[in-house]
Every structure is written in structure tokens, then in C-alpha cells.
Amino acid sequence: MSLRMTPKFKSRLPYIVLILTVLGLDFGSYLTGSILTETIFSWPGVGRYVLTAIDKRDLPAVQGSILFLSLVFVLVNLITDLLYARVDPRVAYD
């Protein structure tokens, strides 16, 4: 018997989809929150790099950082959508 056919899994399906939605949408907040966290605690990272590039008016570095962060955000949302199709058999992508 596969995981999709068990009654216990079917009863928890709406909650799994909700958890996937929250995690997928909150990831953008985690990315923007990293800028604040890295600045406050003086941790090296992408957020600190972006803030330093903005202060120095390094336009190519700012553009590249924003492009990188947006690509990561889009990839996470794509993975979230693909997990929807894997978890919930009612969702089908043709």
C-alpha cells in the first residue's frame, strides 16, 4: 500500500499543503531578514554584502545580488509547487 492510499495520510493532506505554503512564502522573508541579522551581528554573508554594496554605490554588485536573491526565491517557489503535485494527487501539472 503506497503512502498516497493510506487513510491517515489523506486526513493529514490539507495540513501538509498548508505547511508547504507557509514555508514557501516565508522563505522570501527569511532572505530579507538575513540582511538585518547579518548587519546587526556583523556576520559575513549575502545580506551584509548587499548592504555594503549599497553604501559604496556599487551598482553591478547590487544588481547581481538582487538577481541572485530573486532567482533563489523563484527556485524555492518552483520547488514548493512541484512538492504540491507530489504530495497532493489532486494537483496535476500538464
PDB file of N, CA and C in Angstrom:
ATOM      1  N   MET A   1       0.852  -1.176   0.000  1.00  0.00           N
ATOM      2  CA  MET A   1       0.000   0.000   0.000  1.00  0.00           C
ATOM      3  C   MET A   1       0.899   1.240   0.000  1.00  0.00           C
ATOM      4  N   SER A   2       0.705   2.114  -0.934  1.00  0.00           N
ATOM      5  CA  SER A   2       1.556   3.298  -1.038  1.00  0.00           C
ATOM      6  C   SER A   2       1.134   4.354  -0.023  1.00  0.00           C
ATOM      7  N   LEU A   3       1.973   5.326   0.122  1.00  0.00           N
ATOM      8  CA  LEU A   3       1.721   6.400   1.080  1.00  0.00           C
ATOM      9  C   LEU A   3       0.494   7.218   0.688  1.00  0.00           C
ATOM     10  N   ARG A   4       0.232   7.342  -0.585  1.00  0.00           N
ATOM     11  CA  ARG A   4      -0.906   8.144  -1.043  1.00  0.00           C
ATOM     12  C   ARG A   4      -2.245   7.497  -0.744  1.00  0.00           C
ATOM     13  N   MET A   5      -2.281   6.191  -0.534  1.00  0.00           N
ATOM     14  CA  MET A   5      -3.543   5.495  -0.362  1.00  0.00           C
ATOM     15  C   MET A   5      -3.965   5.324   1.093  1.00  0.00           C
ATOM     16  N   THR A   6      -3.096   5.586   2.029  1.00  0.00           N
ATOM     17  CA  THR A   6      -3.446   5.357   3.418  1.00  0.00           C
ATOM     18  C   THR A   6      -4.433   6.410   3.908  1.00  0.00           C
ATOM     19  N   PRO A   7      -5.427   5.998   4.684  1.00  0.00           N
ATOM     20  CA  PRO A   7      -6.415   6.962   5.202  1.00  0.00           C
ATOM     21  C   PRO A   7      -5.779   7.998   6.137  1.00  0.00           C
ATOM     22  N   LYS A   8      -4.759   7.573   6.870  1.00  0.00           N
ATOM     23  CA  LYS A   8      -4.105   8.507   7.791  1.00  0.00           C
ATOM     24  C   LYS A   8      -3.436   9.646   7.014  1.00  0.00           C
ATOM     25  N   PHE A   9      -2.829   9.312   5.888  1.00  0.00           N
ATOM     26  CA  PHE A   9      -2.179  10.335   5.073  1.00  0.00           C
ATOM     27  C   PHE A   9      -3.212  11.253   4.430  1.00  0.00           C
ATOM     28  N   LYS A  10      -4.317  10.692   3.971  1.00  0.00           N
ATOM     29  CA  LYS A  10      -5.348  11.513   3.333  1.00  0.00           C
ATOM     30  C   LYS A  10      -5.982  12.488   4.314  1.00  0.00           C
ATOM     31  N   SER A  11      -6.103  12.101   5.575  1.00  0.00           N
ATOM     32  CA  SER A  11      -6.698  13.000   6.554  1.00  0.00           C
ATOM     33  C   SER A  11      -5.756  14.154   6.898  1.00  0.00           C
ATOM     34  N   ARG A  12      -4.452  13.943   6.729  1.00  0.00           N
ATOM     35  CA  ARG A  12      -3.481  14.995   7.040  1.00  0.00           C
ATOM     36  C   ARG A  12      -3.066  15.806   5.819  1.00  0.00           C
ATOM     37  N   LEU A  13      -3.592  15.489   4.677  1.00  0.00           N
ATOM     38  CA  LEU A  13      -3.192  16.142   3.433  1.00  0.00           C
ATOM     39  C   LEU A  13      -3.394  17.656   3.443  1.00  0.00           C
ATOM     40  N   PRO A  14      -4.534  18.174   3.898  1.00  0.00           N
ATOM     41  CA  PRO A  14      -4.675  19.638   3.902  1.00  0.00           C
ATOM     42  C   PRO A  14      -3.646  20.350   4.761  1.00  0.00           C
ATOM     43  N   TYR A  15      -3.261  19.713   5.856  1.00  0.00           N
ATOM     44  CA  TYR A  15      -2.279  20.342   6.736  1.00  0.00           C
ATOM     45  C   TYR A  15      -0.878  20.334   6.133  1.00  0.00           C
ATOM     46  N   ILE A  16      -0.552  19.284   5.414  1.00  0.00           N
ATOM     47  CA  ILE A  16       0.750  19.220   4.761  1.00  0.00           C
ATOM     48  C   ILE A  16       0.852  20.288   3.686  1.00  0.00           C
ATOM     49  N   VAL A  17      -0.231  20.477   2.939  1.00  0.00           N
ATOM     50  CA  VAL A  17      -0.239  21.510   1.896  1.00  0.00           C
ATOM     51  C   VAL A  17      -0.112  22.893   2.522  1.00  0.00           C
ATOM     52  N   LEU A  18      -0.774  23.117   3.643  1.00  0.00           N
ATOM     53  CA  LEU A  18      -0.663  24.415   4.323  1.00  0.00           C
ATOM     54  C   LEU A  18       0.756  24.669   4.821  1.00  0.00           C
ATOM     55  N   ILE A  19       1.392  23.653   5.355  1.00  0.00           N
ATOM     56  CA  ILE A  19       2.764  23.810   5.838  1.00  0.00           C
ATOM     57  C   ILE A  19       3.699  24.130   4.683  1.00  0.00           C
ATOM     58  N   LEU A  20       3.515  23.447   3.555  1.00  0.00           N
ATOM     59  CA  LEU A  20       4.328  23.751   2.376  1.00  0.00           C
ATOM     60  C   LEU A  20       4.123  25.183   1.906  1.00  0.00           C
ATOM     61  N   THR A  21       2.883  25.647   1.942  1.00  0.00           N
ATOM     62  CA  THR A  21       2.589  27.019   1.517  1.00  0.00           C
ATOM     63  C   THR A  21       3.279  28.032   2.421  1.00  0.00           C
ATOM     64  N   VAL A  22       3.174  27.841   3.701  1.00  0.00           N
ATOM     65  CA  VAL A  22       3.767  28.785   4.651  1.00  0.00           C
ATOM     66  C   VAL A  22       5.286  28.808   4.518  1.00  0.00           C
ATOM     67  N   LEU A  23       5.885  27.640   4.422  1.00  0.00           N
ATOM     68  CA  LEU A  23       7.344  27.589   4.299  1.00  0.00           C
ATOM     69  C   LEU A  23       7.814  28.204   2.984  1.00  0.00           C
ATOM     70  N   GLY A  24       7.088  27.954   1.908  1.00  0.00           N
ATOM     71  CA  GLY A  24       7.472  28.513   0.621  1.00  0.00           C
ATOM     72  C   GLY A  24       7.358  30.031   0.584  1.00  0.00           C
ATOM     73  N   LEU A  25       6.293  30.565   1.177  1.00  0.00           N
ATOM     74  CA  LEU A  25       6.102  32.015   1.163  1.00  0.00           C
ATOM     75  C   LEU A  25       6.996  32.732   2.166  1.00  0.00           C
ATOM     76  N   ASP A  26       7.269  32.098   3.278  1.00  0.00           N
ATOM     77  CA  ASP A  26       8.110  32.729   4.292  1.00  0.00           C
ATOM     78  C   ASP A  26       9.583  32.763   3.910  1.00  0.00           C
ATOM     79  N   PHE A  27       9.961  31.992   2.932  1.00  0.00           N
ATOM     80  CA  PHE A  27      11.369  31.973   2.548  1.00  0.00           C
ATOM     81  C   PHE A  27      11.835  33.347   2.075  1.00  0.00           C
ATOM     82  N   GLY A  28      10.969  34.099   1.406  1.00  0.00           N
ATOM     83  CA  GLY A  28      11.312  35.459   0.993  1.00  0.00           C
ATOM     84  C   GLY A  28      11.575  36.367   2.181  1.00  0.00           C
ATOM     85  N   SER A  29      10.804  36.184   3.215  1.00  0.00           N
ATOM     86  CA  SER A  29      11.031  36.964   4.436  1.00  0.00           C
ATOM     87  C   SER A  29      12.348  36.577   5.099  1.00  0.00           C
ATOM     88  N   TYR A  30      12.689  35.307   5.012  1.00  0.00           N
ATOM     89  CA  TYR A  30      13.961  34.865   5.585  1.00  0.00           C
ATOM     90  C   TYR A  30      15.139  35.477   4.832  1.00  0.00           C
ATOM     91  N   LEU A  31      15.000  35.608   3.521  1.00  0.00           N
ATOM     92  CA  LEU A  31      16.079  36.223   2.737  1.00  0.00           C
ATOM     93  C   LEU A  31      16.261  37.690   3.101  1.00  0.00           C
ATOM     94  N   THR A  32      15.164  38.430   3.185  1.00  0.00           N
ATOM     95  CA  THR A  32      15.284  39.850   3.528  1.00  0.00           C
ATOM     96  C   THR A  32      15.678  40.036   4.985  1.00  0.00           C
ATOM     97  N   GLY A  33      15.288  39.117   5.851  1.00  0.00           N
ATOM     98  CA  GLY A  33      15.668  39.186   7.254  1.00  0.00           C
ATOM     99  C   GLY A  33      17.145  38.921   7.461  1.00  0.00           C
ATOM    100  N   SER A  34      17.746  38.221   6.515  1.00  0.00           N
ATOM    101  CA  SER A  34      19.179  37.951   6.660  1.00  0.00           C
ATOM    102  C   SER A  34      19.997  39.228   6.545  1.00  0.00           C
ATOM    103  N   ILE A  35      19.523  40.187   5.783  1.00  0.00           N
ATOM    104  CA  ILE A  35      20.232  41.467   5.659  1.00  0.00           C
ATOM    105  C   ILE A  35      20.297  42.155   7.016  1.00  0.00           C
ATOM    106  N   LEU A  36      19.185  42.196   7.710  1.00  0.00           N
ATOM    107  CA  LEU A  36      19.133  42.834   9.024  1.00  0.00           C
ATOM    108  C   LEU A  36      19.963  42.062  10.052  1.00  0.00           C
ATOM    109  N   THR A  37      19.820  40.744  10.060  1.00  0.00           N
ATOM    110  CA  THR A  37      20.541  39.919  11.034  1.00  0.00           C
ATOM    111  C   THR A  37      22.048  40.009  10.835  1.00  0.00           C
ATOM    112  N   GLU A  38      22.494  39.934   9.588  1.00  0.00           N
ATOM    113  CA  GLU A  38      23.931  39.985   9.321  1.00  0.00           C
ATOM    114  C   GLU A  38      24.502  41.375   9.633  1.00  0.00           C
ATOM    115  N   THR A  39      23.708  42.397   9.469  1.00  0.00           N
ATOM    116  CA  THR A  39      24.173  43.746   9.781  1.00  0.00           C
ATOM    117  C   THR A  39      24.290  43.943  11.293  1.00  0.00           C
ATOM    118  N   ILE A  40      23.305  43.496  12.040  1.00  0.00           N
ATOM    119  CA  ILE A  40      23.316  43.688  13.488  1.00  0.00           C
ATOM    120  C   ILE A  40      24.448  42.914  14.152  1.00  0.00           C
ATOM    121  N   PHE A  41      24.624  41.661  13.749  1.00  0.00           N
ATOM    122  CA  PHE A  41      25.621  40.819  14.399  1.00  0.00           C
ATOM    123  C   PHE A  41      26.972  40.820  13.692  1.00  0.00           C
ATOM    124  N   SER A  42      27.122  41.620  12.656  1.00  0.00           N
ATOM    125  CA  SER A  42      28.365  41.725  11.882  1.00  0.00           C
ATOM    126  C   SER A  42      28.831  40.381  11.338  1.00  0.00           C
ATOM    127  N   TRP A  43      27.872  39.587  10.878  1.00  0.00           N
ATOM    128  CA  TRP A  43      28.194  38.308  10.251  1.00  0.00           C
ATOM    129  C   TRP A  43      28.443  38.523   8.769  1.00  0.00           C
ATOM    130  N   PRO A  44      29.446  37.888   8.208  1.00  0.00           N
ATOM    131  CA  PRO A  44      29.638  37.991   6.758  1.00  0.00           C
ATOM    132  C   PRO A  44      28.603  37.132   6.035  1.00  0.00           C
ATOM    133  N   GLY A  45      28.103  37.661   4.941  1.00  0.00           N
ATOM    134  CA  GLY A  45      27.111  36.917   4.166  1.00  0.00           C
ATOM    135  C   GLY A  45      26.562  37.762   3.042  1.00  0.00           C
ATOM    136  N   VAL A  46      25.555  37.236   2.372  1.00  0.00           N
ATOM    137  CA  VAL A  46      24.977  37.925   1.215  1.00  0.00           C
ATOM    138  C   VAL A  46      24.306  39.227   1.649  1.00  0.00           C
ATOM    139  N   GLY A  47      23.601  39.192   2.776  1.00  0.00           N
ATOM    140  CA  GLY A  47      22.925  40.397   3.252  1.00  0.00           C
ATOM    141  C   GLY A  47      23.892  41.522   3.566  1.00  0.00           C
ATOM    142  N   ARG A  48      24.955  41.188   4.219  1.00  0.00           N
ATOM    143  CA  ARG A  48      25.986  42.193   4.539  1.00  0.00           C
ATOM    144  C   ARG A  48      26.644  42.706   3.266  1.00  0.00           C
ATOM    145  N   TYR A  49      26.867  41.800   2.311  1.00  0.00           N
ATOM    146  CA  TYR A  49      27.458  42.188   1.024  1.00  0.00           C
ATOM    147  C   TYR A  49      26.552  43.168   0.279  1.00  0.00           C
ATOM    148  N   VAL A  50      25.253  42.915   0.294  1.00  0.00           N
ATOM    149  CA  VAL A  50      24.307  43.813  -0.377  1.00  0.00           C
ATOM    150  C   VAL A  50      24.325  45.185   0.280  1.00  0.00           C
ATOM    151  N   LEU A  51      24.292  45.213   1.590  1.00  0.00           N
ATOM    152  CA  LEU A  51      24.282  46.498   2.294  1.00  0.00           C
ATOM    153  C   LEU A  51      25.574  47.273   2.063  1.00  0.00           C
ATOM    154  N   THR A  52      26.700  46.599   2.051  1.00  0.00           N
ATOM    155  CA  THR A  52      27.980  47.258   1.769  1.00  0.00           C
ATOM    156  C   THR A  52      28.014  47.785   0.332  1.00  0.00           C
ATOM    157  N   ALA A  53      27.480  47.018  -0.600  1.00  0.00           N
ATOM    158  CA  ALA A  53      27.439  47.451  -1.999  1.00  0.00           C
ATOM    159  C   ALA A  53      26.531  48.666  -2.164  1.00  0.00           C
ATOM    160  N   ILE A  54      25.441  48.708  -1.427  1.00  0.00           N
ATOM    161  CA  ILE A  54      24.544  49.871  -1.499  1.00  0.00           C
ATOM    162  C   ILE A  54      25.241  51.093  -0.926  1.00  0.00           C
ATOM    163  N   ASP A  55      25.932  50.938   0.205  1.00  0.00           N
ATOM    164  CA  ASP A  55      26.654  52.060   0.812  1.00  0.00           C
ATOM    165  C   ASP A  55      27.740  52.606  -0.097  1.00  0.00           C
ATOM    166  N   LYS A  56      28.439  51.715  -0.799  1.00  0.00           N
ATOM    167  CA  LYS A  56      29.522  52.140  -1.693  1.00  0.00           C
ATOM    168  C   LYS A  56      29.028  52.504  -3.096  1.00  0.00           C
ATOM    169  N   ARG A  57      27.734  52.354  -3.323  1.00  0.00           N
ATOM    170  CA  ARG A  57      27.102  52.634  -4.624  1.00  0.00           C
ATOM    171  C   ARG A  57      27.738  51.810  -5.745  1.00  0.00           C
ATOM    172  N   ASP A  58      27.940  50.550  -5.441  1.00  0.00           N
ATOM    173  CA  ASP A  58      28.478  49.606  -6.403  1.00  0.00           C
ATOM    174  C   ASP A  58      27.299  48.963  -7.136  1.00  0.00           C
ATOM    175  N   LEU A  59      26.887  49.588  -8.230  1.00  0.00           N
ATOM    176  CA  LEU A  59      25.681  49.181  -8.936  1.00  0.00           C
ATOM    177  C   LEU A  59      25.746  47.752  -9.478  1.00  0.00           C
ATOM    178  N   PRO A  60      26.833  47.308 -10.113  1.00  0.00           N
ATOM    179  CA  PRO A  60      26.853  45.911 -10.581  1.00  0.00           C
ATOM    180  C   PRO A  60      26.726  44.891  -9.444  1.00  0.00           C
ATOM    181  N   ALA A  61      27.319  45.182  -8.292  1.00  0.00           N
ATOM    182  CA  ALA A  61      27.205  44.266  -7.155  1.00  0.00           C
ATOM    183  C   ALA A  61      25.777  44.226  -6.627  1.00  0.00           C
ATOM    184  N   VAL A  62      25.116  45.373  -6.581  1.00  0.00           N
ATOM    185  CA  VAL A  62      23.725  45.426  -6.128  1.00  0.00           C
ATOM    186  C   VAL A  62      22.831  44.673  -7.102  1.00  0.00           C
ATOM    187  N   GLN A  63      23.020  44.900  -8.393  1.00  0.00           N
ATOM    188  CA  GLN A  63      22.206  44.213  -9.401  1.00  0.00           C
ATOM    189  C   GLN A  63      22.418  42.703  -9.350  1.00  0.00           C
ATOM    190  N   GLY A  64      23.661  42.285  -9.229  1.00  0.00           N
ATOM    191  CA  GLY A  64      23.952  40.858  -9.158  1.00  0.00           C
ATOM    192  C   GLY A  64      23.374  40.211  -7.912  1.00  0.00           C
ATOM    193  N   SER A  65      23.457  40.909  -6.803  1.00  0.00           N
ATOM    194  CA  SER A  65      22.911  40.369  -5.555  1.00  0.00           C
ATOM    195  C   SER A  65      21.400  40.241  -5.623  1.00  0.00           C
ATOM    196  N   ILE A  66      20.751  41.259  -6.147  1.00  0.00           N
ATOM    197  CA  ILE A  66      19.296  41.218  -6.272  1.00  0.00           C
ATOM    198  C   ILE A  66      18.878  40.134  -7.253  1.00  0.00           C
ATOM    199  N   LEU A  67      19.620  39.978  -8.335  1.00  0.00           N
ATOM    200  CA  LEU A  67      19.329  38.918  -9.290  1.00  0.00           C
ATOM    201  C   LEU A  67      19.494  37.545  -8.640  1.00  0.00           C
ATOM    202  N   PHE A  68      20.556  37.355  -7.889  1.00  0.00           N
ATOM    203  CA  PHE A  68      20.790  36.080  -7.212  1.00  0.00           C
ATOM    204  C   PHE A  68      19.692  35.773  -6.205  1.00  0.00           C
ATOM    205  N   LEU A  69      19.350  36.753  -5.363  1.00  0.00           N
ATOM    206  CA  LEU A  69      18.317  36.529  -4.355  1.00  0.00           C
ATOM    207  C   LEU A  69      16.959  36.268  -4.988  1.00  0.00           C
ATOM    208  N   SER A  70      16.649  36.951  -6.090  1.00  0.00           N
ATOM    209  CA  SER A  70      15.369  36.715  -6.747  1.00  0.00           C
ATOM    210  C   SER A  70      15.329  35.346  -7.421  1.00  0.00           C
ATOM    211  N   LEU A  71      16.451  34.897  -7.978  1.00  0.00           N
ATOM    212  CA  LEU A  71      16.493  33.558  -8.569  1.00  0.00           C
ATOM    213  C   LEU A  71      16.321  32.479  -7.506  1.00  0.00           C
ATOM    214  N   VAL A  72      16.929  32.670  -6.364  1.00  0.00           N
ATOM    215  CA  VAL A  72      16.755  31.715  -5.267  1.00  0.00           C
ATOM    216  C   VAL A  72      15.300  31.689  -4.824  1.00  0.00           C
ATOM    217  N   PHE A  73      14.671  32.841  -4.744  1.00  0.00           N
ATOM    218  CA  PHE A  73      13.264  32.925  -4.351  1.00  0.00           C
ATOM    219  C   PHE A  73      12.371  32.213  -5.363  1.00  0.00           C
ATOM    220  N   VAL A  74      12.631  32.419  -6.647  1.00  0.00           N
ATOM    221  CA  VAL A  74      11.834  31.763  -7.692  1.00  0.00           C
ATOM    222  C   VAL A  74      12.044  30.248  -7.656  1.00  0.00           C
ATOM    223  N   LEU A  75      13.269  29.807  -7.457  1.00  0.00           N
ATOM    224  CA  LEU A  75      13.538  28.371  -7.388  1.00  0.00           C
ATOM    225  C   LEU A  75      12.852  27.722  -6.189  1.00  0.00           C
ATOM    226  N   VAL A  76      12.831  28.402  -5.072  1.00  0.00           N
ATOM    227  CA  VAL A  76      12.146  27.858  -3.895  1.00  0.00           C
ATOM    228  C   VAL A  76      10.651  27.755  -4.158  1.00  0.00           C
ATOM    229  N   ASN A  77      10.071  28.751  -4.812  1.00  0.00           N
ATOM    230  CA  ASN A  77       8.648  28.673  -5.139  1.00  0.00           C
ATOM    231  C   ASN A  77       8.367  27.573  -6.156  1.00  0.00           C
ATOM    232  N   LEU A  78       9.270  27.354  -7.094  1.00  0.00           N
ATOM    233  CA  LEU A  78       9.109  26.261  -8.048  1.00  0.00           C
ATOM    234  C   LEU A  78       9.160  24.911  -7.339  1.00  0.00           C
ATOM    235  N   ILE A  79      10.099  24.759  -6.434  1.00  0.00           N
ATOM    236  CA  ILE A  79      10.195  23.512  -5.676  1.00  0.00           C
ATOM    237  C   ILE A  79       8.944  23.296  -4.832  1.00  0.00           C
ATOM    238  N   THR A  80       8.421  24.380  -4.259  1.00  0.00           N
ATOM    239  CA  THR A  80       7.184  24.284  -3.484  1.00  0.00           C
ATOM    240  C   THR A  80       6.033  23.811  -4.359  1.00  0.00           C
ATOM    241  N   ASP A  81       5.904  24.352  -5.549  1.00  0.00           N
ATOM    242  CA  ASP A  81       4.843  23.931  -6.464  1.00  0.00           C
ATOM    243  C   ASP A  81       5.005  22.476  -6.895  1.00  0.00           C
ATOM    244  N   LEU A  82       6.218  22.053  -7.132  1.00  0.00           N
ATOM    245  CA  LEU A  82       6.447  20.658  -7.505  1.00  0.00           C
ATOM    246  C   LEU A  82       6.145  19.708  -6.342  1.00  0.00           C
ATOM    247  N   LEU A  83       6.418  20.158  -5.135  1.00  0.00           N
ATOM    248  CA  LEU A  83       6.070  19.348  -3.975  1.00  0.00           C
ATOM    249  C   LEU A  83       4.564  19.245  -3.793  1.00  0.00           C
ATOM    250  N   TYR A  84       3.825  20.296  -4.167  1.00  0.00           N
ATOM    251  CA  TYR A  84       2.367  20.222  -4.147  1.00  0.00           C
ATOM    252  C   TYR A  84       1.878  19.056  -4.989  1.00  0.00           C
ATOM    253  N   ALA A  85       2.401  18.955  -6.196  1.00  0.00           N
ATOM    254  CA  ALA A  85       1.981  17.890  -7.098  1.00  0.00           C
ATOM    255  C   ALA A  85       2.387  16.520  -6.563  1.00  0.00           C
ATOM    256  N   ARG A  86       3.484  16.455  -5.872  1.00  0.00           N
ATOM    257  CA  ARG A  86       3.954  15.180  -5.321  1.00  0.00           C
ATOM    258  C   ARG A  86       3.118  14.762  -4.110  1.00  0.00           C
ATOM    259  N   VAL A  87       2.762  15.723  -3.257  1.00  0.00           N
ATOM    260  CA  VAL A  87       2.051  15.424  -2.033  1.00  0.00           C
ATOM    261  C   VAL A  87       0.555  15.246  -2.277  1.00  0.00           C
ATOM    262  N   ASP A  88      -0.033  16.130  -3.063  1.00  0.00           N
ATOM    263  CA  ASP A  88      -1.472  16.136  -3.282  1.00  0.00           C
ATOM    264  C   ASP A  88      -1.774  15.616  -4.683  1.00  0.00           C
ATOM    265  N   PRO A  89      -2.377  14.436  -4.803  1.00  0.00           N
ATOM    266  CA  PRO A  89      -2.656  13.893  -6.134  1.00  0.00           C
ATOM    267  C   PRO A  89      -3.735  14.670  -6.900  1.00  0.00           C
ATOM    268  N   ARG A  90      -4.474  15.530  -6.212  1.00  0.00           N
ATOM    269  CA  ARG A  90      -5.485  16.326  -6.898  1.00  0.00           C
ATOM    270  C   ARG A  90      -4.863  17.427  -7.745  1.00  0.00           C
ATOM    271  N   VAL A  91      -3.647  17.821  -7.423  1.00  0.00           N
ATOM    272  CA  VAL A  91      -2.939  18.847  -8.184  1.00  0.00           C
ATOM    273  C   VAL A  91      -2.174  18.151  -9.308  1.00  0.00           C
ATOM    274  N   ALA A  92      -2.445  18.589 -10.522  1.00  0.00           N
ATOM    275  CA  ALA A  92      -1.756  17.989 -11.668  1.00  0.00           C
ATOM    276  C   ALA A  92      -1.275  19.091 -12.601  1.00  0.00           C
ATOM    277  N   TYR A  93      -0.035  19.001 -12.998  1.00  0.00           N
ATOM    278  CA  TYR A  93       0.537  19.950 -13.949  1.00  0.00           C
ATOM    279  C   TYR A  93       0.682  19.239 -15.283  1.00  0.00           C
ATOM    280  N   ASP A  94       0.009  19.756 -16.286  1.00  0.00           N
ATOM    281  CA  ASP A  94       0.085  19.126 -17.620  1.00  0.00           C
ATOM    282  C   ASP A  94       1.150  19.727 -18.473  1.00  0.00           C
TER     283      ASP A  94
END
